[in-house]
Amino acid sequence: MGVVHRIHPSSAPSVGTAIAAYLATLDHPETAGTRRVYASTLRQLAAHLGADRALASLEQPDVAAAVVEWFAGRWGERAPATFNRNLDAIRSAIGYWREQDWITTDPTRSLRRRGRAPDRTRALSRGDVEQLLTRDDLALRERTLWRMLYETAARASEILALDIGDLDLRNRRAKVRRKGSAIDVVVWQTGTARLLPRLLTGRTSGPVFCTDRRARLPLAPIDVDPATGRARLSYRRAAQLFEQATTGTIDGPWTLHQLRHSALTHAAEDGANTSTLLSYSGHTSIASLARYARVSPDALARWQQQRDPGTRR
């Protein structure tokens, strides 16, 4: 963990120094993901204000108003989740600075976190998922990846980051790194268990999911298959291929995230309890899980049919 040195109020730091001091508090494995995201936001704040500007200037009304205007212009049109994530980054740093007595007020206090309207239509039907995953025109890599995403309900980024050494093929499971860098285990079913050995034929190390061609640019060794020189498949390319394959389907094109959403919805419909759903999804809070655990319209229709007095006569 990084060592944080308290700066005496009489020598209040610059914006750049204050940001570095705050980020040093996140310098340990459990917060590596948070540090990476927050650092990006705070670098943009420093670029706007000037890294050499005195941090104390944030308490001046005109400077505070300029920060609010900049933030609204930068992220005001973005999705609520993006808006809130960047606001959280700045406010977390401000909270630390106030604890150090470097500033006493919050220049972003006029900004309000945005609520996210619930999306109740993202889950695909079981029939749609199975029809997609059994298509004859799919390449083995895509068939394996999409089946694995659905059966594990993992995030696409978690599965794409897998290396062959992370897999326990005998027990149908793998170690993944969740949000916040926590290590967790995902478990798959027969469909994935049959496809993975075919995908990995002849390979014993390197990324599980690789590009079709050798890497053209120098990459970190961990992101290259040593046997073939192919690079780890990127999220951007995986998402593009999924979108292309589902263009023209009902409500298509679909997103990779809908496989995760659908898996959790279907598990909830099958009666999985909250503890199981939390483990399945990798969530740490019930609030985050809630939007996935809603039954689908098809399941709601079946439930209504079962309890409809007219159909029981």
C-alpha atoms as a PDB file:
ATOM      1  CA  MET A   1       0.000   0.000   0.000  1.00  0.00           C
ATOM      2  CA  GLY A   2       1.232   3.490  -0.774  1.00  0.00           C
ATOM      3  CA  VAL A   3       2.228   5.775   2.092  1.00  0.00           C
ATOM      4  CA  VAL A   4       0.068   8.896   2.392  1.00  0.00           C
ATOM      5  CA  HIS A   5       1.734  11.964   3.875  1.00  0.00           C
ATOM      6  CA  ARG A   6      -0.514  14.551   5.489  1.00  0.00           C
ATOM      7  CA  ILE A   7       0.251  18.051   4.273  1.00  0.00           C
ATOM      8  CA  HIS A   8      -0.140  20.792   6.840  1.00  0.00           C
ATOM      9  CA  PRO A   9      -2.954  23.265   6.037  1.00  0.00           C
ATOM     10  CA  SER A  10      -0.470  26.099   5.948  1.00  0.00           C
ATOM     11  CA  SER A  11       1.134  24.428   2.948  1.00  0.00           C
ATOM     12  CA  ALA A  12      -2.062  23.366   1.167  1.00  0.00           C
ATOM     13  CA  PRO A  13      -1.201  21.517  -2.036  1.00  0.00           C
ATOM     14  CA  SER A  14      -1.823  22.140  -5.690  1.00  0.00           C
ATOM     15  CA  VAL A  15      -4.593  20.314  -7.527  1.00  0.00           C
ATOM     16  CA  GLY A  16      -2.086  17.889  -9.037  1.00  0.00           C
ATOM     17  CA  THR A  17      -0.435  17.101  -5.711  1.00  0.00           C
ATOM     18  CA  ALA A  18      -3.800  16.662  -3.982  1.00  0.00           C
ATOM     19  CA  ILE A  19      -4.977  14.243  -6.659  1.00  0.00           C
ATOM     20  CA  ALA A  20      -1.778  12.200  -6.355  1.00  0.00           C
ATOM     21  CA  ALA A  21      -2.183  12.059  -2.571  1.00  0.00           C
ATOM     22  CA  TYR A  22      -5.766  10.829  -2.879  1.00  0.00           C
ATOM     23  CA  LEU A  23      -4.910   8.188  -5.497  1.00  0.00           C
ATOM     24  CA  ALA A  24      -2.142   6.913  -3.209  1.00  0.00           C
ATOM     25  CA  THR A  25      -4.865   5.816  -0.786  1.00  0.00           C
ATOM     26  CA  LEU A  26      -6.143   3.438  -3.477  1.00  0.00           C
ATOM     27  CA  ASP A  27      -2.751   1.879  -4.142  1.00  0.00           C
ATOM     28  CA  HIS A  28      -3.519  -1.721  -3.190  1.00  0.00           C
ATOM     29  CA  PRO A  29      -4.887  -4.729  -5.111  1.00  0.00           C
ATOM     30  CA  GLU A  30      -8.475  -4.546  -3.841  1.00  0.00           C
ATOM     31  CA  THR A  31      -8.952  -1.044  -5.217  1.00  0.00           C
ATOM     32  CA  ALA A  32      -6.904  -1.321  -8.411  1.00  0.00           C
ATOM     33  CA  GLY A  33     -10.011  -1.104 -10.606  1.00  0.00           C
ATOM     34  CA  THR A  34     -11.381   1.879  -8.701  1.00  0.00           C
ATOM     35  CA  ARG A  35      -8.038   3.654  -8.877  1.00  0.00           C
ATOM     36  CA  ARG A  36      -7.842   3.183 -12.645  1.00  0.00           C
ATOM     37  CA  VAL A  37     -11.342   4.587 -13.240  1.00  0.00           C
ATOM     38  CA  TYR A  38     -11.070   7.438 -10.735  1.00  0.00           C
ATOM     39  CA  ALA A  39      -7.605   8.429 -11.972  1.00  0.00           C
ATOM     40  CA  SER A  40      -8.987   8.986 -15.461  1.00  0.00           C
ATOM     41  CA  THR A  41     -11.685  11.335 -14.173  1.00  0.00           C
ATOM     42  CA  LEU A  42      -9.336  13.221 -11.876  1.00  0.00           C
ATOM     43  CA  ARG A  43      -6.738  13.677 -14.617  1.00  0.00           C
ATOM     44  CA  GLN A  44      -9.419  15.396 -16.680  1.00  0.00           C
ATOM     45  CA  LEU A  45     -10.260  17.642 -13.716  1.00  0.00           C
ATOM     46  CA  ALA A  46      -6.582  18.538 -13.340  1.00  0.00           C
ATOM     47  CA  ALA A  47      -6.319  19.302 -17.055  1.00  0.00           C
ATOM     48  CA  HIS A  48      -9.336  21.605 -16.798  1.00  0.00           C
ATOM     49  CA  LEU A  49      -8.242  23.459 -13.665  1.00  0.00           C
ATOM     50  CA  GLY A  50      -4.493  23.280 -14.193  1.00  0.00           C
ATOM     51  CA  ALA A  51      -2.419  20.891 -12.086  1.00  0.00           C
ATOM     52  CA  ASP A  52      -0.470  23.787 -10.518  1.00  0.00           C
ATOM     53  CA  ARG A  53      -3.576  25.669  -9.365  1.00  0.00           C
ATOM     54  CA  ALA A  54      -3.938  25.893  -5.589  1.00  0.00           C
ATOM     55  CA  LEU A  55      -6.494  23.354  -4.358  1.00  0.00           C
ATOM     56  CA  ALA A  56      -7.911  25.980  -2.010  1.00  0.00           C
ATOM     57  CA  SER A  57      -9.185  27.917  -5.032  1.00  0.00           C
ATOM     58  CA  LEU A  58     -11.998  25.336  -5.300  1.00  0.00           C
ATOM     59  CA  GLU A  59     -13.670  27.164  -2.417  1.00  0.00           C
ATOM     60  CA  GLN A  60     -14.024  30.305  -4.479  1.00  0.00           C
ATOM     61  CA  PRO A  61     -17.619  30.584  -5.790  1.00  0.00           C
ATOM     62  CA  ASP A  62     -16.571  31.373  -9.350  1.00  0.00           C
ATOM     63  CA  VAL A  63     -14.156  28.427  -9.497  1.00  0.00           C
ATOM     64  CA  ALA A  64     -16.732  26.074  -7.980  1.00  0.00           C
ATOM     65  CA  ALA A  65     -19.295  27.250 -10.545  1.00  0.00           C
ATOM     66  CA  ALA A  66     -16.784  26.669 -13.335  1.00  0.00           C
ATOM     67  CA  VAL A  67     -16.165  23.104 -12.108  1.00  0.00           C
ATOM     68  CA  VAL A  68     -19.903  22.394 -12.106  1.00  0.00           C
ATOM     69  CA  GLU A  69     -20.271  23.860 -15.598  1.00  0.00           C
ATOM     70  CA  TRP A  70     -17.313  21.835 -16.866  1.00  0.00           C
ATOM     71  CA  PHE A  71     -18.640  18.622 -15.350  1.00  0.00           C
ATOM     72  CA  ALA A  72     -22.132  19.147 -16.797  1.00  0.00           C
ATOM     73  CA  GLY A  73     -20.672  19.877 -20.216  1.00  0.00           C
ATOM     74  CA  ARG A  74     -18.359  16.881 -20.067  1.00  0.00           C
ATOM     75  CA  TRP A  75     -20.780  14.237 -18.787  1.00  0.00           C
ATOM     76  CA  GLY A  76     -24.225  15.823 -18.754  1.00  0.00           C
ATOM     77  CA  GLU A  77     -25.347  14.033 -21.920  1.00  0.00           C
ATOM     78  CA  ARG A  78     -23.913  10.667 -20.940  1.00  0.00           C
ATOM     79  CA  ALA A  79     -25.798   7.732 -19.433  1.00  0.00           C
ATOM     80  CA  PRO A  80     -26.766   8.096 -15.752  1.00  0.00           C
ATOM     81  CA  ALA A  81     -24.316   5.349 -14.750  1.00  0.00           C
ATOM     82  CA  THR A  82     -21.432   7.191 -16.451  1.00  0.00           C
ATOM     83  CA  PHE A  83     -22.494  10.535 -14.993  1.00  0.00           C
ATOM     84  CA  ASN A  84     -22.707   9.068 -11.486  1.00  0.00           C
ATOM     85  CA  ARG A  85     -19.413   7.172 -11.750  1.00  0.00           C
ATOM     86  CA  ASN A  86     -17.465  10.310 -12.649  1.00  0.00           C
ATOM     87  CA  LEU A  87     -19.240  12.360 -10.006  1.00  0.00           C
ATOM     88  CA  ASP A  88     -18.409   9.702  -7.425  1.00  0.00           C
ATOM     89  CA  ALA A  89     -14.741   9.856  -8.435  1.00  0.00           C
ATOM     90  CA  ILE A  90     -14.522  13.601  -7.880  1.00  0.00           C
ATOM     91  CA  ARG A  91     -16.548  13.551  -4.675  1.00  0.00           C
ATOM     92  CA  SER A  92     -14.494  10.747  -3.216  1.00  0.00           C
ATOM     93  CA  ALA A  93     -11.363  12.819  -3.757  1.00  0.00           C
ATOM     94  CA  ILE A  94     -13.065  15.913  -2.330  1.00  0.00           C
ATOM     95  CA  GLY A  95     -14.054  13.929   0.756  1.00  0.00           C
ATOM     96  CA  TYR A  96     -10.434  12.961   1.296  1.00  0.00           C
ATOM     97  CA  TRP A  97      -9.236  16.533   0.799  1.00  0.00           C
ATOM     98  CA  ARG A  98     -11.746  17.775   3.353  1.00  0.00           C
ATOM     99  CA  GLU A  99     -10.530  15.172   5.834  1.00  0.00           C
ATOM    100  CA  GLN A 100      -7.029  16.590   5.382  1.00  0.00           C
ATOM    101  CA  ASP A 101      -8.374  20.123   6.028  1.00  0.00           C
ATOM    102  CA  TRP A 102      -7.146  21.230   2.624  1.00  0.00           C
ATOM    103  CA  ILE A 103     -10.614  22.489   1.730  1.00  0.00           C
ATOM    104  CA  THR A 104     -13.774  22.803   3.804  1.00  0.00           C
ATOM    105  CA  THR A 105     -16.574  22.792   1.217  1.00  0.00           C
ATOM    106  CA  ASP A 106     -17.727  20.619  -1.684  1.00  0.00           C
ATOM    107  CA  PRO A 107     -17.605  22.603  -4.951  1.00  0.00           C
ATOM    108  CA  THR A 108     -19.828  19.972  -6.627  1.00  0.00           C
ATOM    109  CA  ARG A 109     -22.646  20.171  -4.061  1.00  0.00           C
ATOM    110  CA  SER A 110     -25.096  21.586  -6.630  1.00  0.00           C
ATOM    111  CA  LEU A 111     -24.757  18.444  -8.785  1.00  0.00           C
ATOM    112  CA  ARG A 112     -27.192  15.597  -8.135  1.00  0.00           C
ATOM    113  CA  ARG A 113     -26.689  11.926  -8.843  1.00  0.00           C
ATOM    114  CA  ARG A 114     -29.027  10.654 -11.528  1.00  0.00           C
ATOM    115  CA  GLY A 115     -31.445   7.788 -11.132  1.00  0.00           C
ATOM    116  CA  ARG A 116     -31.436   5.088 -13.768  1.00  0.00           C
ATOM    117  CA  ALA A 117     -34.762   4.237 -15.309  1.00  0.00           C
ATOM    118  CA  PRO A 118     -35.280   0.482 -14.971  1.00  0.00           C
ATOM    119  CA  ASP A 119     -34.935  -1.437 -18.209  1.00  0.00           C
ATOM    120  CA  ARG A 120     -37.338  -4.362 -17.989  1.00  0.00           C
ATOM    121  CA  THR A 121     -36.933  -5.639 -21.520  1.00  0.00           C
ATOM    122  CA  ARG A 122     -33.250  -6.593 -21.706  1.00  0.00           C
ATOM    123  CA  ALA A 123     -33.642 -10.280 -20.877  1.00  0.00           C
ATOM    124  CA  LEU A 124     -33.948 -12.547 -23.907  1.00  0.00           C
ATOM    125  CA  SER A 125     -36.306 -15.493 -23.926  1.00  0.00           C
ATOM    126  CA  ARG A 126     -34.848 -18.951 -23.383  1.00  0.00           C
ATOM    127  CA  GLY A 127     -35.891 -19.874 -26.892  1.00  0.00           C
ATOM    128  CA  ASP A 128     -34.098 -16.882 -28.416  1.00  0.00           C
ATOM    129  CA  VAL A 129     -30.911 -17.687 -26.504  1.00  0.00           C
ATOM    130  CA  GLU A 130     -30.941 -21.361 -27.482  1.00  0.00           C
ATOM    131  CA  GLN A 131     -31.678 -20.562 -31.113  1.00  0.00           C
ATOM    132  CA  LEU A 132     -28.717 -18.189 -31.197  1.00  0.00           C
ATOM    133  CA  LEU A 133     -26.292 -20.552 -29.469  1.00  0.00           C
ATOM    134  CA  THR A 134     -27.117 -23.502 -31.734  1.00  0.00           C
ATOM    135  CA  ARG A 135     -26.803 -21.698 -35.070  1.00  0.00           C
ATOM    136  CA  ASP A 136     -24.806 -23.646 -37.651  1.00  0.00           C
ATOM    137  CA  ASP A 137     -23.062 -20.571 -39.055  1.00  0.00           C
ATOM    138  CA  LEU A 138     -21.255 -19.635 -35.832  1.00  0.00           C
ATOM    139  CA  ALA A 139     -17.487 -19.959 -35.548  1.00  0.00           C
ATOM    140  CA  LEU A 140     -16.299 -22.213 -32.724  1.00  0.00           C
ATOM    141  CA  ARG A 141     -14.814 -19.279 -30.805  1.00  0.00           C
ATOM    142  CA  GLU A 142     -18.060 -17.293 -30.830  1.00  0.00           C
ATOM    143  CA  ARG A 143     -20.183 -20.342 -30.031  1.00  0.00           C
ATOM    144  CA  THR A 144     -17.948 -21.112 -27.039  1.00  0.00           C
ATOM    145  CA  LEU A 145     -17.730 -17.527 -25.789  1.00  0.00           C
ATOM    146  CA  TRP A 146     -21.444 -16.817 -26.014  1.00  0.00           C
ATOM    147  CA  ARG A 147     -22.399 -20.165 -24.471  1.00  0.00           C
ATOM    148  CA  MET A 148     -19.945 -19.558 -21.643  1.00  0.00           C
ATOM    149  CA  LEU A 149     -21.251 -16.045 -21.008  1.00  0.00           C
ATOM    150  CA  TYR A 150     -24.807 -17.336 -20.757  1.00  0.00           C
ATOM    151  CA  GLU A 151     -24.055 -20.378 -18.628  1.00  0.00           C
ATOM    152  CA  THR A 152     -21.808 -18.531 -16.156  1.00  0.00           C
ATOM    153  CA  ALA A 153     -23.739 -15.208 -16.127  1.00  0.00           C
ATOM    154  CA  ALA A 154     -20.311 -13.565 -15.957  1.00  0.00           C
ATOM    155  CA  ARG A 155     -19.452 -10.176 -17.367  1.00  0.00           C
ATOM    156  CA  ALA A 156     -17.919 -10.323 -20.828  1.00  0.00           C
ATOM    157  CA  SER A 157     -14.776  -8.569 -19.590  1.00  0.00           C
ATOM    158  CA  GLU A 158     -14.294 -11.265 -16.936  1.00  0.00           C
ATOM    159  CA  ILE A 159     -14.513 -14.139 -19.409  1.00  0.00           C
ATOM    160  CA  LEU A 160     -12.362 -12.446 -22.058  1.00  0.00           C
ATOM    161  CA  ALA A 161      -9.648 -11.933 -19.416  1.00  0.00           C
ATOM    162  CA  LEU A 162      -9.410 -15.677 -18.742  1.00  0.00           C
ATOM    163  CA  ASP A 163      -6.153 -17.497 -19.386  1.00  0.00           C
ATOM    164  CA  ILE A 164      -5.992 -21.238 -19.945  1.00  0.00           C
ATOM    165  CA  GLY A 165      -4.292 -21.613 -16.577  1.00  0.00           C
ATOM    166  CA  ASP A 166      -7.381 -20.166 -14.891  1.00  0.00           C
ATOM    167  CA  LEU A 167      -9.554 -23.032 -16.112  1.00  0.00           C
ATOM    168  CA  ASP A 168     -10.483 -26.149 -14.161  1.00  0.00           C
ATOM    169  CA  LEU A 169     -11.962 -28.157 -17.005  1.00  0.00           C
ATOM    170  CA  ARG A 170     -12.544 -31.278 -14.932  1.00  0.00           C
ATOM    171  CA  ASN A 171     -14.767 -29.407 -12.464  1.00  0.00           C
ATOM    172  CA  ARG A 172     -16.278 -27.025 -15.033  1.00  0.00           C
ATOM    173  CA  ARG A 173     -15.114 -23.848 -13.326  1.00  0.00           C
ATOM    174  CA  ALA A 174     -12.598 -21.022 -13.579  1.00  0.00           C
ATOM    175  CA  LYS A 175     -11.173 -18.240 -11.462  1.00  0.00           C
ATOM    176  CA  VAL A 176     -12.150 -14.759 -12.616  1.00  0.00           C
ATOM    177  CA  ARG A 177     -11.357 -11.260 -11.437  1.00  0.00           C
ATOM    178  CA  ARG A 178     -14.565  -9.398 -10.616  1.00  0.00           C
ATOM    179  CA  LYS A 179     -15.157  -5.667 -10.342  1.00  0.00           C
ATOM    180  CA  GLY A 180     -12.864  -4.224  -7.701  1.00  0.00           C
ATOM    181  CA  SER A 181     -10.305  -6.953  -8.525  1.00  0.00           C
ATOM    182  CA  ALA A 182     -11.890  -9.526  -6.208  1.00  0.00           C
ATOM    183  CA  ILE A 183     -11.069 -13.127  -7.168  1.00  0.00           C
ATOM    184  CA  ASP A 184     -14.156 -15.305  -7.646  1.00  0.00           C
ATOM    185  CA  VAL A 185     -15.191 -18.572  -9.303  1.00  0.00           C
ATOM    186  CA  VAL A 186     -17.605 -19.072 -12.207  1.00  0.00           C
ATOM    187  CA  VAL A 187     -19.124 -22.452 -13.057  1.00  0.00           C
ATOM    188  CA  TRP A 188     -20.500 -23.625 -16.398  1.00  0.00           C
ATOM    189  CA  GLN A 189     -22.686 -26.426 -17.714  1.00  0.00           C
ATOM    190  CA  THR A 190     -22.425 -29.211 -20.284  1.00  0.00           C
ATOM    191  CA  GLY A 191     -22.677 -26.967 -23.345  1.00  0.00           C
ATOM    192  CA  THR A 192     -19.536 -25.026 -22.452  1.00  0.00           C
ATOM    193  CA  ALA A 193     -17.800 -28.159 -21.151  1.00  0.00           C
ATOM    194  CA  ARG A 194     -18.125 -29.775 -24.594  1.00  0.00           C
ATOM    195  CA  LEU A 195     -16.940 -26.725 -26.532  1.00  0.00           C
ATOM    196  CA  LEU A 196     -13.925 -25.575 -24.508  1.00  0.00           C
ATOM    197  CA  PRO A 197     -11.656 -28.584 -25.203  1.00  0.00           C
ATOM    198  CA  ARG A 198     -12.298 -28.168 -28.920  1.00  0.00           C
ATOM    199  CA  LEU A 199     -11.421 -24.477 -28.749  1.00  0.00           C
ATOM    200  CA  LEU A 200      -8.219 -25.132 -26.795  1.00  0.00           C
ATOM    201  CA  THR A 201      -6.925 -28.037 -28.887  1.00  0.00           C
ATOM    202  CA  GLY A 202      -3.114 -27.930 -28.952  1.00  0.00           C
ATOM    203  CA  ARG A 203      -2.827 -24.962 -26.556  1.00  0.00           C
ATOM    204  CA  THR A 204      -1.795 -25.161 -22.896  1.00  0.00           C
ATOM    205  CA  SER A 205      -1.210 -21.505 -22.025  1.00  0.00           C
ATOM    206  CA  GLY A 206      -2.154 -17.992 -23.058  1.00  0.00           C
ATOM    207  CA  PRO A 207      -5.567 -16.332 -23.396  1.00  0.00           C
ATOM    208  CA  VAL A 208      -8.596 -18.589 -23.737  1.00  0.00           C
ATOM    209  CA  PHE A 209     -10.163 -16.419 -26.436  1.00  0.00           C
ATOM    210  CA  CYS A 210      -7.788 -15.165 -29.121  1.00  0.00           C
ATOM    211  CA  THR A 211      -7.988 -13.173 -32.324  1.00  0.00           C
ATOM    212  CA  ASP A 212      -7.967 -14.919 -35.699  1.00  0.00           C
ATOM    213  CA  ARG A 213      -4.572 -13.534 -36.691  1.00  0.00           C
ATOM    214  CA  ARG A 214      -1.197 -12.881 -35.106  1.00  0.00           C
ATOM    215  CA  ALA A 215      -0.892  -9.634 -33.176  1.00  0.00           C
ATOM    216  CA  ARG A 216       0.362  -6.817 -35.400  1.00  0.00           C
ATOM    217  CA  LEU A 217       1.504  -4.551 -32.560  1.00  0.00           C
ATOM    218  CA  PRO A 218       3.690  -5.325 -29.541  1.00  0.00           C
ATOM    219  CA  LEU A 219       1.521  -6.438 -26.604  1.00  0.00           C
ATOM    220  CA  ALA A 220       2.098  -7.516 -23.033  1.00  0.00           C
ATOM    221  CA  PRO A 221       3.115 -11.205 -22.976  1.00  0.00           C
ATOM    222  CA  ILE A 222       0.036 -12.060 -20.920  1.00  0.00           C
ATOM    223  CA  ASP A 223      -2.188 -10.931 -23.810  1.00  0.00           C
ATOM    224  CA  VAL A 224      -0.532 -13.093 -26.475  1.00  0.00           C
ATOM    225  CA  ASP A 225      -0.781 -16.828 -27.099  1.00  0.00           C
ATOM    226  CA  PRO A 226       2.868 -17.995 -27.046  1.00  0.00           C
ATOM    227  CA  ALA A 227       2.157 -20.871 -29.433  1.00  0.00           C
ATOM    228  CA  THR A 228       0.459 -18.939 -32.235  1.00  0.00           C
ATOM    229  CA  GLY A 229       1.269 -15.276 -31.563  1.00  0.00           C
ATOM    230  CA  ARG A 230      -2.427 -14.418 -31.608  1.00  0.00           C
ATOM    231  CA  ALA A 231      -3.662 -11.682 -29.255  1.00  0.00           C
ATOM    232  CA  ARG A 232      -6.357 -11.818 -26.610  1.00  0.00           C
ATOM    233  CA  LEU A 233      -9.769 -11.086 -28.133  1.00  0.00           C
ATOM    234  CA  SER A 234     -10.815  -7.568 -27.150  1.00  0.00           C
ATOM    235  CA  TYR A 235     -14.196  -6.639 -25.710  1.00  0.00           C
ATOM    236  CA  ARG A 236     -14.722  -4.211 -28.562  1.00  0.00           C
ATOM    237  CA  ARG A 237     -14.225  -6.885 -31.222  1.00  0.00           C
ATOM    238  CA  ALA A 238     -16.297  -9.458 -29.322  1.00  0.00           C
ATOM    239  CA  ALA A 239     -19.165  -6.981 -28.947  1.00  0.00           C
ATOM    240  CA  GLN A 240     -18.959  -6.072 -32.641  1.00  0.00           C
ATOM    241  CA  LEU A 241     -19.195  -9.714 -33.725  1.00  0.00           C
ATOM    242  CA  PHE A 242     -22.169 -10.329 -31.427  1.00  0.00           C
ATOM    243  CA  GLU A 243     -23.948  -7.259 -32.763  1.00  0.00           C
ATOM    244  CA  GLN A 244     -23.377  -8.367 -36.345  1.00  0.00           C
ATOM    245  CA  ALA A 245     -24.690 -11.869 -35.607  1.00  0.00           C
ATOM    246  CA  THR A 246     -27.872 -10.589 -33.954  1.00  0.00           C
ATOM    247  CA  THR A 247     -28.725  -7.818 -36.384  1.00  0.00           C
ATOM    248  CA  GLY A 248     -32.095  -8.648 -37.902  1.00  0.00           C
ATOM    249  CA  THR A 249     -33.314 -10.641 -34.909  1.00  0.00           C
ATOM    250  CA  ILE A 250     -36.356  -9.538 -32.919  1.00  0.00           C
ATOM    251  CA  ASP A 251     -35.386  -6.399 -30.987  1.00  0.00           C
ATOM    252  CA  GLY A 252     -31.862  -6.826 -32.378  1.00  0.00           C
ATOM    253  CA  PRO A 253     -29.071  -6.222 -32.539  1.00  0.00           C
ATOM    254  CA  TRP A 254     -28.443  -7.558 -29.033  1.00  0.00           C
ATOM    255  CA  THR A 255     -25.555  -6.823 -26.673  1.00  0.00           C
ATOM    256  CA  LEU A 256     -23.210  -9.225 -24.922  1.00  0.00           C
ATOM    257  CA  HIS A 257     -24.537  -7.942 -21.613  1.00  0.00           C
ATOM    258  CA  GLN A 258     -27.959  -9.327 -22.483  1.00  0.00           C
ATOM    259  CA  LEU A 259     -26.578 -12.858 -22.178  1.00  0.00           C
ATOM    260  CA  ARG A 260     -25.640 -12.142 -18.565  1.00  0.00           C
ATOM    261  CA  HIS A 261     -28.924 -10.372 -17.918  1.00  0.00           C
ATOM    262  CA  SER A 262     -30.895 -13.239 -19.432  1.00  0.00           C
ATOM    263  CA  ALA A 263     -29.009 -15.898 -17.456  1.00  0.00           C
ATOM    264  CA  LEU A 264     -29.753 -14.168 -14.158  1.00  0.00           C
ATOM    265  CA  THR A 265     -33.397 -13.587 -15.063  1.00  0.00           C
ATOM    266  CA  HIS A 266     -33.839 -17.236 -16.027  1.00  0.00           C
ATOM    267  CA  ALA A 267     -32.131 -18.392 -12.828  1.00  0.00           C
ATOM    268  CA  ALA A 268     -34.530 -16.242 -10.799  1.00  0.00           C
ATOM    269  CA  GLU A 269     -37.461 -17.732 -12.686  1.00  0.00           C
ATOM    270  CA  ASP A 270     -36.171 -21.206 -11.833  1.00  0.00           C
ATOM    271  CA  GLY A 271     -36.321 -20.363  -8.135  1.00  0.00           C
ATOM    272  CA  ALA A 272     -32.688 -19.553  -7.315  1.00  0.00           C
ATOM    273  CA  ASN A 273     -32.523 -17.863  -3.921  1.00  0.00           C
ATOM    274  CA  THR A 274     -30.839 -14.537  -3.255  1.00  0.00           C
ATOM    275  CA  SER A 275     -27.579 -16.037  -1.974  1.00  0.00           C
ATOM    276  CA  THR A 276     -27.252 -18.211  -5.067  1.00  0.00           C
ATOM    277  CA  LEU A 277     -28.002 -15.296  -7.391  1.00  0.00           C
ATOM    278  CA  LEU A 278     -25.399 -13.130  -5.654  1.00  0.00           C
ATOM    279  CA  SER A 279     -22.763 -15.829  -6.111  1.00  0.00           C
ATOM    280  CA  TYR A 280     -23.863 -16.493  -9.686  1.00  0.00           C
ATOM    281  CA  SER A 281     -23.696 -12.830 -10.666  1.00  0.00           C
ATOM    282  CA  GLY A 282     -20.696 -11.742  -8.631  1.00  0.00           C
ATOM    283  CA  HIS A 283     -22.677  -8.861  -7.143  1.00  0.00           C
ATOM    284  CA  THR A 284     -22.003  -7.783  -3.575  1.00  0.00           C
ATOM    285  CA  SER A 285     -25.302  -5.999  -2.982  1.00  0.00           C
ATOM    286  CA  ILE A 286     -28.916  -7.015  -3.404  1.00  0.00           C
ATOM    287  CA  ALA A 287     -29.704  -3.570  -4.831  1.00  0.00           C
ATOM    288  CA  SER A 288     -27.351  -4.194  -7.774  1.00  0.00           C
ATOM    289  CA  LEU A 289     -28.868  -7.621  -8.337  1.00  0.00           C
ATOM    290  CA  ALA A 290     -32.496  -6.492  -8.221  1.00  0.00           C
ATOM    291  CA  ARG A 291     -32.773  -5.294 -11.806  1.00  0.00           C
ATOM    292  CA  TYR A 292     -31.663  -8.701 -13.089  1.00  0.00           C
ATOM    293  CA  ALA A 293     -33.871 -10.848 -10.904  1.00  0.00           C
ATOM    294  CA  ARG A 294     -37.169  -9.844 -12.492  1.00  0.00           C
ATOM    295  CA  VAL A 295     -39.114 -12.563 -14.250  1.00  0.00           C
ATOM    296  CA  SER A 296     -39.496 -12.222 -18.011  1.00  0.00           C
ATOM    297  CA  PRO A 297     -42.786 -11.411 -19.786  1.00  0.00           C
ATOM    298  CA  ASP A 298     -42.955 -15.045 -20.951  1.00  0.00           C
ATOM    299  CA  ALA A 299     -42.608 -16.342 -17.399  1.00  0.00           C
ATOM    300  CA  LEU A 300     -45.173 -13.823 -16.180  1.00  0.00           C
ATOM    301  CA  ALA A 301     -47.578 -15.019 -18.888  1.00  0.00           C
ATOM    302  CA  ARG A 302     -47.074 -18.659 -17.843  1.00  0.00           C
ATOM    303  CA  TRP A 303     -47.747 -17.753 -14.222  1.00  0.00           C
ATOM    304  CA  GLN A 304     -50.915 -15.911 -15.174  1.00  0.00           C
ATOM    305  CA  GLN A 305     -52.075 -18.843 -17.283  1.00  0.00           C
ATOM    306  CA  GLN A 306     -51.510 -21.288 -14.443  1.00  0.00           C
ATOM    307  CA  ARG A 307     -53.615 -19.232 -12.051  1.00  0.00           C
ATOM    308  CA  ASP A 308     -56.294 -18.209 -14.582  1.00  0.00           C
ATOM    309  CA  PRO A 309     -59.615 -19.774 -13.428  1.00  0.00           C
ATOM    310  CA  GLY A 310     -60.777 -19.940 -17.037  1.00  0.00           C
ATOM    311  CA  THR A 311     -57.971 -22.302 -18.069  1.00  0.00           C
ATOM    312  CA  ARG A 312     -58.554 -24.700 -15.182  1.00  0.00           C
ATOM    313  CA  ARG A 313     -62.132 -25.582 -16.118  1.00  0.00           C
END
